[in-house]
Protein backbone atom coordinates (compact mmCIF):
# COMPACT_ATOMS: atom_id res chain seq x y z
CA VAL A 1 8.34 -3.93 7.73
CA SER A 2 5.84 -5.34 10.03
CA GLY A 3 2.11 -5.93 10.60
CA SER A 4 2.51 -4.84 14.22
CA SER A 5 2.07 -1.03 14.91
CA LYS A 6 3.36 -1.51 18.49
CA ASN A 7 6.44 -3.49 17.20
CA LEU A 8 7.07 -0.55 14.70
CA ALA A 9 6.73 2.14 17.38
CA ASP A 10 9.08 0.35 19.63
CA PHE A 11 11.69 -0.01 16.55
CA HIS A 12 11.08 3.66 15.66
CA ARG A 13 11.97 4.94 19.32
CA ARG A 14 15.06 3.07 19.28
CA TYR A 15 16.29 3.60 15.63
CA PRO A 16 14.50 6.74 14.48
CA GLU A 17 16.77 7.29 11.45
CA TYR A 18 15.05 4.07 9.90
CA ARG A 19 11.79 4.17 7.80
CA THR A 20 9.08 1.82 9.39
CA ILE A 21 6.35 0.31 7.07
CA TRP A 22 3.04 -0.96 8.47
CA LEU A 23 1.49 -3.76 6.39
CA LEU A 24 -2.16 -3.11 7.67
CA PRO A 25 -4.49 -6.01 8.66
CA ILE A 26 -6.45 -7.66 5.78
CA LYS A 27 -9.66 -7.14 7.58
CA THR A 28 -9.31 -3.30 8.13
CA ASP A 29 -12.45 -1.68 7.17
CA PHE A 30 -11.08 1.63 5.58
CA ASP A 31 -14.49 3.39 5.44
CA LYS A 32 -14.64 3.14 9.50
CA GLU A 33 -10.96 2.98 10.16
CA THR A 34 -8.86 5.28 7.92
CA GLU A 35 -8.57 8.09 10.64
CA LYS A 36 -7.78 5.75 13.37
CA VAL A 37 -5.03 3.86 11.27
CA ILE A 38 -3.60 7.42 10.58
CA GLY A 39 -3.42 8.45 14.12
CA ILE A 40 -1.95 5.26 15.23
CA ALA A 41 0.69 5.66 12.64
CA LYS A 42 1.41 9.15 13.40
CA LYS A 43 1.82 8.36 17.00
CA ALA A 44 4.25 5.38 16.04
CA GLY A 45 6.36 7.35 13.76
CA ILE A 46 5.63 5.19 10.78
CA PHE A 47 6.56 6.29 7.18
CA ALA A 48 4.56 4.11 4.94
CA LEU A 49 0.98 2.63 5.14
CA CYS A 50 0.42 -0.66 3.29
CA PRO A 51 -3.03 -2.08 2.81
CA ASN A 52 -3.62 -5.52 1.29
CA GLY A 53 -3.45 -5.16 -2.52
CA MET A 54 -5.67 -8.24 -3.49
CA ARG A 55 -8.60 -6.64 -5.05
CA ALA A 56 -10.83 -9.80 -4.09
CA ARG A 57 -10.06 -9.45 -0.30
CA ASN A 58 -9.76 -5.92 0.11
CA LYS A 59 -13.31 -4.71 -0.26
CA THR A 60 -13.05 -1.22 1.36
CA PHE A 61 -9.82 0.35 0.34
CA ARG A 62 -9.98 2.98 -2.21
CA ARG A 63 -8.43 6.00 -3.68
CA GLU A 64 -10.04 8.37 -1.35
CA HIS A 65 -8.40 6.47 1.58
CA ALA A 66 -5.01 6.73 -0.03
CA GLU A 67 -5.47 10.07 -0.55
CA ALA A 68 -6.15 10.71 3.01
CA MET A 69 -3.16 8.67 3.97
CA ARG A 70 -0.87 10.84 1.78
CA ALA A 71 -2.39 14.04 3.01
CA ALA A 72 -1.24 12.94 6.16
CA GLY A 73 2.16 12.59 5.38
CA PHE A 74 2.41 8.69 4.54
CA ASP A 75 3.68 6.90 1.60
CA VAL A 76 1.01 4.40 0.43
CA ARG A 77 2.09 1.14 -0.79
CA LEU A 78 0.15 -2.30 -1.44
CA TRP A 79 1.07 -5.74 -0.37
CA GLY A 80 -0.06 -9.02 -1.71
CA VAL A 81 -0.14 -8.00 -5.40
CA HIS A 82 -0.17 -11.10 -7.18
CA THR A 83 -2.41 -10.78 -10.34
CA PRO A 84 -2.82 -8.18 -13.06
CA GLU A 85 -6.17 -7.37 -11.40
CA ASP A 86 -4.26 -6.57 -8.20
CA PHE A 87 -1.67 -4.40 -10.08
CA ASP A 88 -4.70 -2.24 -11.80
CA PHE A 89 -6.13 -1.94 -8.36
CA ALA A 90 -2.76 -0.66 -7.09
CA VAL A 91 -2.71 1.80 -9.99
CA GLU A 92 -6.14 2.69 -9.36
CA VAL A 93 -5.80 3.96 -5.68
CA GLY A 94 -2.56 5.59 -6.73
CA ALA A 95 0.04 3.34 -4.84
CA SER A 96 3.59 4.34 -4.88
CA ALA A 97 4.89 0.77 -4.67
CA VAL A 98 3.66 -2.72 -4.32
CA THR A 99 4.99 -6.05 -2.78
CA CYS A 100 4.54 -9.06 -4.86
CA ASN A 101 5.60 -12.76 -5.16
CA TYR A 102 5.98 -12.46 -8.88
CA PRO A 103 7.76 -9.57 -9.99
CA ALA A 104 8.68 -10.86 -13.63
CA LYS A 105 4.91 -11.37 -14.33
CA LEU A 106 3.78 -8.16 -13.24
CA THR A 107 6.48 -6.17 -14.66
CA ALA A 108 5.56 -7.91 -18.10
CA TYR A 109 2.16 -7.07 -17.60
CA ALA A 110 2.69 -3.38 -16.48
CA GLY A 111 4.92 -3.03 -19.86
CA GLU A 112 2.15 -4.51 -21.82
CA ARG A 113 -0.54 -2.29 -20.06
CA ASP A 114 1.47 0.84 -20.27
CA ARG A 115 2.06 0.37 -24.06
CA GLY A 116 -1.59 -0.35 -24.76
CA LYS A 117 -2.66 2.85 -22.89
CA LYS A 118 -0.06 4.83 -24.79
CA GLY A 119 -0.72 3.30 -28.23
CA LEU A 120 2.75 2.16 -28.55
CA GLU A 121 3.51 -0.93 -30.63
CA ARG A 122 6.19 -3.70 -29.69
């Protein structure tokens, strides 16, 4: 896991049996740079792409960008998911995983969210 595609490419050349995960820069403009990100990641042998998951800071990442990344063969995860709103953002864009500093809090929220969605009672 790294924020440097160059470091990940070097690691992948040395240890191709390990999966690499690229934490994409917060200021990535996905409307303009998704194809560029995909090209760099393919060349570097990266397994997963991880845009920032803070909805308030990530203004351009949407489901269509995640779908383009998945169509190109990448796992799509979000990093920096800290609030229920961020978790909803991850679900909205179809992320396969999230990285957060408060897993118990988000797990409780996810359970409540899922129960509400399915109409289940506690």
